[in-house]
Amino acid sequence: MSADKVLSAVVDITESRNQEGLEKSLVAAIGEQVRMLRLIFCRISSISSGQHRFRQQTLMRTVVLERRHEGGVVIDTRHHILPATTTEVAAIQSRQPVEEVGEDGLRSWVIPIEVDATVVGLLKLECYLAMSDEDSRFLRGVLSIYTNFLAIVRDNEYDTLTGLYNRKTFDEKISRIIMTYNEQEQPLLDSIEQGKRHYPLGNHWLAAVDIDHFKRINDTFGHLYGDEVLILMANLMRESFREDDLLFRYGGEEFIVVLTPCDRANAESVFERFRAKVADYDFPQVGRITVSIGFVGFGDHDYPKDVVEQADQALYYAKEHGRNRLCHYESLVEQGELHHYDASSVDSVELF
């Protein structure tokens, strides 16, 4: 394999500035140089304290490249939640590539992707021919470059303390969701009847979550216990929401959750279960803690700034009216408790 081809693959990978783009670039670069029938990238998104927690052993398939018999390739970047196979689990647990040959002679290789001694993804390759030494060397080299660059990208995308997405990543992802509404009929995450939530496609839902009396926790127990509360809150969020819901630490003690499309009743039920779960949790040393939540639906007609502000208005209302509550922005507007907020009428927002 020529040095020019290797250099081209390196350039393609390092042009990406976020994890999704990086995964697509990796698969495309390998597909360009290695003659595989199918390439699949799967992300492991449940991370806690540097270790993976498998909830029903599921993976998020983010990129699929298929080589057509008539020539050319097709790349699918729709996200799907799938159960991990026995081979995939073996690769994750052993942290070593696993090869298997099907009854039809189809060979598959499952290669774990590690960052900071943690398996964060899997690359699966399928072909009827054995992999050549040259292809193996190319894969090892490209994957080394990918993981090194991924570590840099992840540091830029994730909050250091909690491991959730950070505020910068939130701005990018919510803008991309709204943009996708305008570009195609299917939402960004194509998830129908997966997990425990069954629903027709509807709005995405954004919730602003704030820990009640967090300053009191820091003042009484110290900032180390305050940080532990934030870490445990992030863990409760991972346990309460699905793999393809988006979780962010927005700043301080405020978090944001973006649900994949569902109807309002479903969204309200999911958020209410989380509120109750937090209220029932016994935080070490600190004891019981509650959260206030404001949520709002959004679609192609909305602006990111408006969506966040509307959720915050519902959150502030919950805090002003007893805390440990879940409040729906549109319902508060309909009841006359809040004025509708949009960017063209900032001065009209009032809290009664």
Protein backbone atom coordinates (compact mmCIF):
# COMPACT_ATOMS: atom_id res chain seq x y z
CA MET A 1 0.00 0.00 0.00
CA SER A 2 1.48 3.34 -1.05
CA ALA A 3 2.45 6.08 1.37
CA ASP A 4 0.08 8.41 -0.51
CA LYS A 5 -2.91 6.21 0.34
CA VAL A 6 -1.95 6.05 4.00
CA LEU A 7 -1.46 9.81 4.10
CA SER A 8 -4.85 10.31 2.43
CA ALA A 9 -6.53 8.22 5.14
CA VAL A 10 -4.79 10.23 7.86
CA VAL A 11 -5.94 13.51 6.31
CA ASP A 12 -9.55 12.28 6.03
CA ILE A 13 -9.67 11.23 9.69
CA THR A 14 -8.02 14.31 11.19
CA GLU A 15 -10.28 16.70 9.28
CA SER A 16 -13.17 15.76 11.59
CA ARG A 17 -13.92 17.90 14.63
CA ASN A 18 -16.56 15.82 16.43
CA GLN A 19 -17.03 12.18 17.31
CA GLU A 20 -19.75 11.47 14.75
CA GLY A 21 -17.71 12.94 11.93
CA LEU A 22 -14.65 11.06 13.11
CA GLU A 23 -16.47 7.71 13.04
CA LYS A 24 -17.73 8.31 9.50
CA SER A 25 -14.27 9.40 8.33
CA LEU A 26 -12.66 6.29 9.83
CA VAL A 27 -15.10 3.91 8.13
CA ALA A 28 -14.85 5.76 4.80
CA ALA A 29 -11.04 5.79 4.92
CA ILE A 30 -10.84 2.06 5.66
CA GLY A 31 -13.46 1.29 3.01
CA GLU A 32 -11.40 3.20 0.48
CA GLN A 33 -8.25 1.18 1.12
CA VAL A 34 -9.42 -2.25 2.34
CA ARG A 35 -11.76 -4.31 0.12
CA MET A 36 -14.41 -5.33 2.63
CA LEU A 37 -18.05 -6.11 1.85
CA ARG A 38 -19.28 -4.37 4.96
CA LEU A 39 -17.86 -2.10 7.65
CA ILE A 40 -19.80 -1.24 10.82
CA PHE A 41 -18.90 1.14 13.63
CA CYS A 42 -20.68 0.72 16.95
CA ARG A 43 -20.39 3.13 19.85
CA ILE A 44 -20.58 2.14 23.50
CA SER A 45 -22.17 5.12 25.19
CA SER A 46 -22.73 3.96 28.79
CA ILE A 47 -19.60 5.05 30.63
CA SER A 48 -19.24 5.39 34.38
CA SER A 49 -16.02 5.97 36.32
CA GLY A 50 -13.98 4.84 33.34
CA GLN A 51 -15.78 1.49 33.07
CA HIS A 52 -18.63 0.26 30.88
CA ARG A 53 -22.01 -0.67 32.20
CA PHE A 54 -24.00 -2.81 29.77
CA ARG A 55 -27.71 -2.15 30.01
CA GLN A 56 -29.14 -5.25 28.35
CA GLN A 57 -25.84 -5.45 26.40
CA THR A 58 -26.73 -2.89 23.75
CA LEU A 59 -24.58 -0.94 21.32
CA MET A 60 -25.31 2.09 19.19
CA ARG A 61 -24.55 1.42 15.51
CA THR A 62 -23.56 4.79 14.06
CA VAL A 63 -21.96 4.10 10.66
CA VAL A 64 -22.45 1.30 8.13
CA LEU A 65 -20.54 1.04 4.83
CA GLU A 66 -21.74 -1.53 2.29
CA ARG A 67 -20.05 -2.37 -1.00
CA ARG A 68 -22.55 -3.01 -3.80
CA HIS A 69 -22.14 -5.93 -6.22
CA GLU A 70 -22.51 -3.55 -9.14
CA GLY A 71 -19.76 -1.34 -7.75
CA GLY A 72 -19.61 1.68 -5.48
CA VAL A 73 -20.31 1.97 -1.78
CA VAL A 74 -23.18 3.23 0.36
CA ILE A 75 -22.65 4.79 3.80
CA ASP A 76 -25.55 4.91 6.27
CA THR A 77 -25.11 7.19 9.31
CA ARG A 78 -28.52 6.70 10.91
CA HIS A 79 -28.23 5.62 14.54
CA HIS A 80 -29.68 2.29 15.67
CA ILE A 81 -29.67 0.62 19.07
CA LEU A 82 -28.94 -3.09 18.74
CA PRO A 83 -28.24 -5.92 21.17
CA ALA A 84 -24.57 -6.89 21.34
CA THR A 85 -23.75 -10.29 19.88
CA THR A 86 -21.72 -12.92 21.72
CA THR A 87 -18.72 -12.09 19.52
CA GLU A 88 -19.02 -8.37 20.22
CA VAL A 89 -19.22 -8.94 23.97
CA ALA A 90 -16.15 -11.20 23.76
CA ALA A 91 -14.18 -8.49 21.95
CA ILE A 92 -15.13 -5.89 24.55
CA GLN A 93 -14.35 -8.07 27.54
CA SER A 94 -11.05 -9.37 26.16
CA ARG A 95 -10.07 -6.01 24.60
CA GLN A 96 -8.72 -8.05 21.70
CA PRO A 97 -9.90 -8.48 18.08
CA VAL A 98 -12.17 -11.49 17.60
CA GLU A 99 -12.47 -13.30 14.27
CA GLU A 100 -15.21 -15.73 13.25
CA VAL A 101 -16.24 -17.55 10.08
CA GLY A 102 -19.89 -18.15 9.28
CA GLU A 103 -21.38 -21.29 7.72
CA ASP A 104 -21.51 -19.49 4.37
CA GLY A 105 -17.79 -18.70 4.58
CA LEU A 106 -18.28 -15.04 5.48
CA ARG A 107 -15.45 -13.87 7.69
CA SER A 108 -15.94 -11.13 10.27
CA TRP A 109 -13.51 -9.30 12.49
CA VAL A 110 -14.64 -7.36 15.57
CA ILE A 111 -12.00 -4.89 16.75
CA PRO A 112 -12.40 -3.01 20.05
CA ILE A 113 -11.58 0.72 20.09
CA GLU A 114 -9.92 1.90 23.32
CA VAL A 115 -9.37 5.37 24.74
CA ASP A 116 -7.69 5.81 28.13
CA ALA A 117 -7.84 2.05 28.78
CA THR A 118 -11.61 2.03 28.19
CA VAL A 119 -13.39 0.34 25.27
CA VAL A 120 -15.51 3.07 23.69
CA GLY A 121 -16.46 1.43 20.39
CA LEU A 122 -16.24 -1.51 18.04
CA LEU A 123 -15.24 -1.75 14.39
CA LYS A 124 -16.67 -4.75 12.54
CA LEU A 125 -15.39 -5.83 9.12
CA GLU A 126 -16.95 -8.50 6.88
CA CYS A 127 -15.42 -10.24 3.84
CA TYR A 128 -15.24 -13.70 2.24
CA LEU A 129 -11.45 -13.52 1.88
CA ALA A 130 -8.84 -13.70 4.61
CA MET A 131 -7.34 -10.35 5.55
CA SER A 132 -3.91 -9.79 4.03
CA ASP A 133 -0.86 -8.81 6.10
CA GLU A 134 -0.79 -5.50 4.26
CA ASP A 135 -4.42 -4.77 5.17
CA SER A 136 -3.76 -5.76 8.79
CA ARG A 137 -0.83 -3.35 9.03
CA PHE A 138 -2.91 -0.58 7.49
CA LEU A 139 -5.76 -1.18 9.94
CA ARG A 140 -3.47 -1.15 12.96
CA GLY A 141 -1.85 2.08 11.82
CA VAL A 142 -5.09 3.88 10.98
CA LEU A 143 -6.78 2.75 14.21
CA SER A 144 -3.82 4.02 16.25
CA ILE A 145 -4.15 7.42 14.59
CA TYR A 146 -7.93 7.35 15.08
CA THR A 147 -7.79 6.55 18.81
CA ASN A 148 -5.15 9.23 19.45
CA PHE A 149 -7.27 11.83 17.66
CA LEU A 150 -10.47 10.56 19.29
CA ALA A 151 -8.96 11.19 22.73
CA ILE A 152 -8.46 14.84 21.76
CA VAL A 153 -12.00 15.15 20.34
CA ARG A 154 -13.55 13.54 23.42
CA ASP A 155 -11.70 15.93 25.72
CA ASN A 156 -13.28 18.73 23.73
CA GLU A 157 -16.81 17.24 23.72
CA TYR A 158 -17.23 15.85 27.24
CA ASP A 159 -17.41 17.38 30.69
CA THR A 160 -14.33 16.30 32.64
CA LEU A 161 -16.06 15.73 35.98
CA THR A 162 -19.24 13.88 34.97
CA GLY A 163 -18.35 12.36 31.60
CA LEU A 164 -21.53 13.82 30.07
CA TYR A 165 -21.49 16.01 26.99
CA ASN A 166 -20.44 19.59 27.74
CA ARG A 167 -22.15 22.86 26.86
CA LYS A 168 -20.16 23.41 23.66
CA THR A 169 -21.25 20.01 22.39
CA PHE A 170 -24.85 20.81 23.33
CA ASP A 171 -24.87 23.87 21.07
CA GLU A 172 -23.59 21.78 18.16
CA LYS A 173 -25.90 18.80 18.65
CA ILE A 174 -29.16 20.69 19.14
CA SER A 175 -28.42 22.82 16.07
CA ARG A 176 -27.76 19.63 14.10
CA ILE A 177 -31.04 18.06 15.27
CA ILE A 178 -33.05 21.09 14.17
CA MET A 179 -31.15 21.25 10.89
CA THR A 180 -31.92 17.58 10.26
CA TYR A 181 -35.64 18.24 10.72
CA ASN A 182 -35.39 20.67 7.83
CA GLU A 183 -33.29 18.38 5.63
CA GLN A 184 -35.28 15.15 5.84
CA GLU A 185 -38.49 13.65 7.11
CA GLN A 186 -36.81 11.31 9.59
CA PRO A 187 -35.36 12.91 12.74
CA LEU A 188 -31.65 12.72 13.51
CA LEU A 189 -31.91 9.54 15.55
CA ASP A 190 -34.07 7.01 13.71
CA SER A 191 -35.43 5.15 16.73
CA ILE A 192 -38.83 3.51 16.58
CA GLU A 193 -40.04 0.97 19.13
CA GLN A 194 -36.67 0.41 20.74
CA GLY A 195 -36.05 -0.38 24.38
CA LYS A 196 -39.02 0.15 26.69
CA ARG A 197 -40.40 3.24 24.97
CA HIS A 198 -42.78 2.62 22.06
CA TYR A 199 -44.04 5.58 20.11
CA PRO A 200 -44.82 7.14 16.75
CA LEU A 201 -42.34 9.78 15.63
CA GLY A 202 -43.00 13.17 17.20
CA ASN A 203 -41.12 16.10 18.65
CA HIS A 204 -37.79 15.94 20.36
CA TRP A 205 -38.04 17.03 24.00
CA LEU A 206 -35.55 19.10 25.96
CA ALA A 207 -35.48 19.19 29.75
CA ALA A 208 -33.48 21.56 31.94
CA VAL A 209 -32.63 19.82 35.22
CA ASP A 210 -31.30 21.70 38.25
CA ILE A 211 -30.25 20.31 41.64
CA ASP A 212 -32.26 22.00 44.39
CA HIS A 213 -30.30 23.84 47.12
CA PHE A 214 -26.96 22.81 45.63
CA LYS A 215 -25.17 25.81 47.17
CA ARG A 216 -26.30 24.59 50.57
CA ILE A 217 -24.68 21.22 49.85
CA ASN A 218 -21.35 22.86 48.99
CA ASP A 219 -21.50 25.18 52.01
CA THR A 220 -22.44 22.41 54.45
CA PHE A 221 -20.38 19.45 53.24
CA GLY A 222 -17.67 21.06 51.08
CA HIS A 223 -16.95 21.09 47.37
CA LEU A 224 -15.60 17.53 47.28
CA TYR A 225 -19.00 16.20 48.33
CA GLY A 226 -20.61 18.65 45.92
CA ASP A 227 -18.56 17.16 43.09
CA GLU A 228 -19.53 13.66 44.19
CA VAL A 229 -23.20 14.66 44.03
CA LEU A 230 -22.68 15.88 40.44
CA ILE A 231 -20.98 12.61 39.47
CA LEU A 232 -23.73 10.50 41.07
CA MET A 233 -26.40 12.65 39.42
CA ALA A 234 -24.78 11.97 36.04
CA ASN A 235 -24.82 8.24 36.81
CA LEU A 236 -28.53 8.39 37.72
CA MET A 237 -29.17 10.11 34.39
CA ARG A 238 -27.38 7.33 32.50
CA GLU A 239 -29.49 4.75 34.33
CA SER A 240 -32.75 6.63 33.70
CA PHE A 241 -32.51 7.52 30.02
CA ARG A 242 -31.92 5.51 26.88
CA GLU A 243 -28.69 5.09 24.96
CA ASP A 244 -29.76 7.46 22.17
CA ASP A 245 -31.08 10.21 24.45
CA LEU A 246 -28.51 13.00 24.80
CA LEU A 247 -27.22 13.99 28.25
CA PHE A 248 -25.33 17.19 29.00
CA ARG A 249 -23.84 19.02 31.93
CA TYR A 250 -24.88 22.52 30.95
CA GLY A 251 -23.03 24.34 33.71
CA GLY A 252 -22.68 24.23 37.50
CA GLU A 253 -25.50 22.08 38.87
CA GLU A 254 -27.68 22.35 35.74
CA PHE A 255 -28.05 19.46 33.31
CA ILE A 256 -29.92 19.10 30.03
CA VAL A 257 -31.59 16.01 28.58
CA VAL A 258 -32.71 15.75 24.94
CA LEU A 259 -35.09 12.85 24.29
CA THR A 260 -35.46 11.20 20.92
CA PRO A 261 -38.89 11.76 19.31
CA CYS A 262 -41.96 10.71 21.26
CA ASP A 263 -45.30 12.17 22.28
CA ARG A 264 -45.77 14.48 25.26
CA ALA A 265 -47.24 11.84 27.57
CA ASN A 266 -44.24 9.60 27.02
CA ALA A 267 -41.78 12.45 27.58
CA GLU A 268 -43.54 13.58 30.75
CA SER A 269 -43.56 10.03 32.10
CA VAL A 270 -39.84 9.58 31.44
CA PHE A 271 -38.90 12.88 33.10
CA GLU A 272 -41.19 12.25 36.07
CA ARG A 273 -39.65 8.82 36.68
CA PHE A 274 -36.22 10.44 36.73
CA ARG A 275 -37.36 13.14 39.20
CA ALA A 276 -38.79 10.47 41.51
CA LYS A 277 -35.65 8.31 41.16
CA VAL A 278 -33.44 11.18 42.32
CA ALA A 279 -35.75 12.00 45.24
CA ASP A 280 -35.59 8.37 46.43
CA TYR A 281 -31.80 8.09 46.12
CA ASP A 282 -29.68 8.25 49.27
CA PHE A 283 -26.58 10.28 48.44
CA PRO A 284 -23.58 9.29 50.64
CA GLN A 285 -23.08 11.70 53.56
CA VAL A 286 -25.44 14.25 52.00
CA GLY A 287 -28.65 12.23 52.20
CA ARG A 288 -31.72 13.00 50.09
CA ILE A 289 -31.56 15.52 47.24
CA THR A 290 -34.23 16.70 44.82
CA VAL A 291 -34.22 18.22 41.35
CA SER A 292 -36.50 20.66 39.60
CA ILE A 293 -37.19 20.10 35.89
CA GLY A 294 -38.62 22.23 33.11
CA PHE A 295 -39.24 20.65 29.70
CA VAL A 296 -40.37 21.73 26.24
CA GLY A 297 -40.94 20.13 22.84
CA PHE A 298 -39.13 21.40 19.76
CA GLY A 299 -38.97 20.82 16.03
CA ASP A 300 -37.94 22.36 12.72
CA HIS A 301 -39.58 25.73 13.46
CA ASP A 302 -37.57 26.40 16.62
CA TYR A 303 -34.27 28.10 17.37
CA PRO A 304 -31.82 26.55 19.87
CA LYS A 305 -31.69 29.72 21.99
CA ASP A 306 -35.49 29.80 22.25
CA VAL A 307 -35.73 26.12 23.21
CA VAL A 308 -33.24 26.45 26.06
CA GLU A 309 -34.80 29.65 27.33
CA GLN A 310 -38.29 28.10 27.31
CA ALA A 311 -37.10 25.06 29.26
CA ASP A 312 -35.33 27.37 31.71
CA GLN A 313 -38.51 29.40 32.20
CA ALA A 314 -40.39 26.22 33.12
CA LEU A 315 -37.51 25.23 35.40
CA TYR A 316 -37.55 28.60 37.19
CA TYR A 317 -41.30 28.26 37.64
CA ALA A 318 -40.80 24.83 39.27
CA LYS A 319 -38.24 26.30 41.66
CA GLU A 320 -40.45 29.28 42.49
CA HIS A 321 -43.37 26.97 43.27
CA GLY A 322 -41.97 24.43 45.72
CA ARG A 323 -39.03 22.73 43.93
CA ASN A 324 -38.85 18.96 43.37
CA ARG A 325 -41.32 19.47 40.52
CA LEU A 326 -41.65 18.77 36.81
CA CYS A 327 -43.16 21.61 34.75
CA HIS A 328 -44.11 21.66 31.06
CA TYR A 329 -43.46 24.98 29.34
CA GLU A 330 -46.34 24.91 26.85
CA SER A 331 -48.84 24.03 29.59
CA LEU A 332 -47.67 26.97 31.72
CA VAL A 333 -48.13 29.29 28.72
CA GLU A 334 -51.63 27.91 28.07
CA GLN A 335 -52.52 28.42 31.73
CA GLY A 336 -51.32 32.03 31.64
CA GLU A 337 -48.52 31.37 34.13
CA LEU A 338 -45.83 32.30 31.60
CA HIS A 339 -45.71 34.49 28.51
CA HIS A 340 -44.47 32.75 25.37
CA TYR A 341 -40.77 33.38 24.78
CA ASP A 342 -39.14 33.87 21.41
CA ALA A 343 -36.02 35.71 20.31
CA SER A 344 -38.00 38.60 18.83
CA SER A 345 -39.80 39.39 22.09
CA VAL A 346 -37.24 38.87 24.86
CA ASP A 347 -38.66 41.71 26.95
CA SER A 348 -42.09 40.04 27.05
CA VAL A 349 -40.97 37.11 29.24
CA GLU A 350 -42.40 37.36 32.72
CA LEU A 351 -42.77 34.96 35.59
CA PHE A 352 -46.02 35.37 37.52
